[in-house]
């Protein structure tokens, strides 16, 4: 367990990803992105596995069935991680890796997968699950003369 934690720490330091040790077996980190500015991730090391838990988005406000269908369809093409829903309906990427396979190369692949899956799915999931809220936010900002720059990816929802 200690060597896997040491490998994780070294990999994160080399990748210039800040992390916090929550306890003797758990690391909290933020993986940077572009569309999704960062993803909160928990790495938990046990005697047998490295568990990965990365927050994607909160429970959708609408089209929950379509969101879940999208997640299931995309699970078939993911490496090590799968989209999952917790008891509150929030969406995560989750995965487990046998402890003996934890290496710097594998940690790098996991971090890359988290970045890719969270970033590439973010706007799609927001549009599917929060289109009405995005429209309301757009209108509210315009009514107050505020910037809609960070909503530009959803401009097509205004027509």
Protein backbone atom coordinates (compact mmCIF):
# COMPACT_ATOMS: atom_id res chain seq x y z
CA UNK A 1 0.00 0.00 0.00
CA UNK A 2 2.79 2.42 0.90
CA UNK A 3 4.62 1.94 -2.40
CA UNK A 4 1.41 2.59 -4.36
CA UNK A 5 0.84 5.78 -2.36
CA UNK A 6 4.45 6.81 -2.94
CA UNK A 7 4.02 6.17 -6.67
CA UNK A 8 0.83 8.25 -6.70
CA UNK A 9 2.49 11.13 -4.86
CA UNK A 10 5.54 11.09 -7.16
CA UNK A 11 3.35 10.95 -10.27
CA UNK A 12 1.20 13.86 -9.13
CA UNK A 13 4.23 15.96 -8.22
CA UNK A 14 5.83 15.23 -11.63
CA UNK A 15 2.53 16.11 -13.35
CA UNK A 16 2.40 19.36 -11.32
CA UNK A 17 -1.01 18.42 -9.91
CA UNK A 18 -1.63 19.68 -6.40
CA UNK A 19 -3.05 17.17 -3.97
CA UNK A 20 -4.05 16.90 -0.35
CA UNK A 21 -3.73 13.84 1.85
CA UNK A 22 -7.12 13.32 3.50
CA UNK A 23 -5.89 10.38 5.55
CA UNK A 24 -3.19 7.70 5.41
CA UNK A 25 -4.68 6.08 2.29
CA UNK A 26 -6.63 8.84 0.50
CA UNK A 27 -5.52 11.66 -1.80
CA UNK A 28 -7.71 14.50 -3.04
CA UNK A 29 -6.64 16.28 -6.21
CA UNK A 30 -7.94 18.56 -8.93
CA UNK A 31 -7.29 17.56 -12.53
CA UNK A 32 -7.24 20.68 -14.74
CA UNK A 33 -9.32 20.89 -17.91
CA UNK A 34 -10.49 23.32 -20.55
CA UNK A 35 -14.29 23.08 -20.83
CA UNK A 36 -14.54 21.83 -17.27
CA UNK A 37 -11.96 23.97 -15.51
CA UNK A 38 -11.05 21.23 -13.05
CA UNK A 39 -12.28 17.86 -11.82
CA UNK A 40 -12.14 16.87 -8.17
CA UNK A 41 -10.72 13.37 -7.84
CA UNK A 42 -10.23 11.01 -4.91
CA UNK A 43 -7.61 8.26 -5.06
CA UNK A 44 -8.07 5.69 -2.29
CA UNK A 45 -5.48 2.98 -1.80
CA UNK A 46 -6.33 -0.28 -0.02
CA UNK A 47 -4.36 -3.50 0.37
CA UNK A 48 -5.68 -4.76 -2.96
CA UNK A 49 -6.86 -1.86 -5.11
CA UNK A 50 -6.53 1.77 -6.08
CA UNK A 51 -10.05 3.24 -6.24
CA UNK A 52 -10.67 6.31 -8.38
CA UNK A 53 -13.66 8.58 -7.91
CA UNK A 54 -13.93 11.74 -10.07
CA UNK A 55 -16.86 14.17 -9.87
CA UNK A 56 -18.34 14.99 -13.30
CA UNK A 57 -21.59 16.95 -12.69
CA UNK A 58 -24.37 17.16 -10.16
CA UNK A 59 -27.73 15.48 -10.70
CA UNK A 60 -29.32 16.76 -13.91
CA UNK A 61 -32.43 18.94 -13.62
CA UNK A 62 -34.06 17.48 -16.72
CA UNK A 63 -33.77 14.68 -19.30
CA UNK A 64 -32.34 12.30 -16.71
CA UNK A 65 -33.11 9.27 -18.87
CA UNK A 66 -31.31 10.77 -21.87
CA UNK A 67 -28.32 11.69 -19.69
CA UNK A 68 -28.14 8.15 -18.29
CA UNK A 69 -28.46 6.68 -21.79
CA UNK A 70 -25.56 8.87 -22.96
CA UNK A 71 -23.45 7.73 -20.00
CA UNK A 72 -24.15 4.05 -20.63
CA UNK A 73 -23.36 4.34 -24.33
CA UNK A 74 -20.04 6.00 -23.57
CA UNK A 75 -19.01 3.51 -20.89
CA UNK A 76 -18.27 0.99 -23.64
CA UNK A 77 -15.44 3.18 -24.97
CA UNK A 78 -13.73 4.26 -21.74
CA UNK A 79 -10.44 3.03 -20.34
CA UNK A 80 -10.51 1.76 -16.72
CA UNK A 81 -13.14 4.33 -15.70
CA UNK A 82 -16.92 4.16 -16.03
CA UNK A 83 -19.59 6.78 -15.58
CA UNK A 84 -21.68 6.10 -12.49
CA UNK A 85 -24.46 7.77 -10.52
CA UNK A 86 -24.41 8.07 -6.73
CA UNK A 87 -27.39 7.91 -4.37
CA UNK A 88 -28.08 11.63 -4.92
CA UNK A 89 -28.05 11.30 -8.71
CA UNK A 90 -24.70 13.08 -9.11
CA UNK A 91 -22.47 11.75 -11.89
CA UNK A 92 -18.95 10.44 -11.32
CA UNK A 93 -16.24 8.57 -13.13
CA UNK A 94 -15.26 5.55 -11.05
CA UNK A 95 -12.70 2.81 -11.42
CA UNK A 96 -10.54 0.28 -9.63
CA UNK A 97 -7.04 -0.83 -10.44
CA UNK A 98 -5.28 -3.80 -8.80
CA UNK A 99 -2.62 -2.41 -6.48
CA UNK A 100 0.14 -4.31 -8.26
CA UNK A 101 -0.55 -2.39 -11.48
CA UNK A 102 -0.07 1.08 -9.97
CA UNK A 103 2.86 2.67 -11.80
CA UNK A 104 3.76 6.18 -12.89
CA UNK A 105 2.74 5.32 -16.46
CA UNK A 106 -0.63 3.98 -15.30
CA UNK A 107 -1.29 7.00 -13.09
CA UNK A 108 -0.51 9.22 -16.08
CA UNK A 109 -3.00 7.24 -18.21
CA UNK A 110 -5.65 7.53 -15.50
CA UNK A 111 -5.13 11.29 -15.18
CA UNK A 112 -5.32 11.63 -18.96
CA UNK A 113 -8.52 9.57 -19.08
CA UNK A 114 -10.12 11.68 -16.34
CA UNK A 115 -9.19 14.85 -18.21
CA UNK A 116 -10.44 13.54 -21.55
CA UNK A 117 -13.72 12.02 -20.33
CA UNK A 118 -14.68 14.93 -18.08
CA UNK A 119 -13.71 17.62 -20.56
CA UNK A 120 -15.27 15.98 -23.63
CA UNK A 121 -18.53 15.16 -21.84
CA UNK A 122 -18.97 18.34 -19.82
CA UNK A 123 -20.83 20.60 -22.27
CA UNK A 124 -22.83 17.68 -23.68
CA UNK A 125 -24.04 16.64 -20.22
CA UNK A 126 -24.76 20.24 -19.22
CA UNK A 127 -26.84 20.76 -22.35
CA UNK A 128 -28.73 17.49 -21.92
CA UNK A 129 -29.35 17.92 -18.20
CA UNK A 130 -29.53 21.67 -17.67
CA UNK A 131 -30.71 23.33 -20.92
CA UNK A 132 -33.58 25.19 -19.24
CA UNK A 133 -31.30 26.46 -16.45
CA UNK A 134 -28.75 27.62 -19.04
CA UNK A 135 -31.47 29.53 -20.92
CA UNK A 136 -32.64 31.17 -17.68
CA UNK A 137 -29.06 32.10 -16.73
CA UNK A 138 -28.44 33.57 -20.19
CA UNK A 139 -31.59 35.72 -20.00
CA UNK A 140 -30.87 36.80 -16.43
CA UNK A 141 -27.33 37.90 -17.28
CA UNK A 142 -28.48 39.81 -20.37
CA UNK A 143 -31.21 41.56 -18.33
CA UNK A 144 -28.54 42.78 -15.89
CA UNK A 145 -25.98 43.66 -18.58
CA UNK A 146 -23.61 40.94 -17.39
CA UNK A 147 -21.24 38.90 -19.51
CA UNK A 148 -22.40 35.66 -21.10
CA UNK A 149 -18.89 34.81 -22.29
CA UNK A 150 -18.64 31.57 -20.35
CA UNK A 151 -22.03 30.50 -21.77
CA UNK A 152 -21.00 30.95 -25.43
CA UNK A 153 -20.80 27.16 -25.94
CA UNK A 154 -24.58 27.14 -25.40
CA UNK A 155 -25.48 30.10 -27.63
CA UNK A 156 -27.44 27.76 -29.92
CA UNK A 157 -29.90 27.14 -27.07
CA UNK A 158 -31.08 30.76 -27.30
CA UNK A 159 -32.81 30.40 -30.68
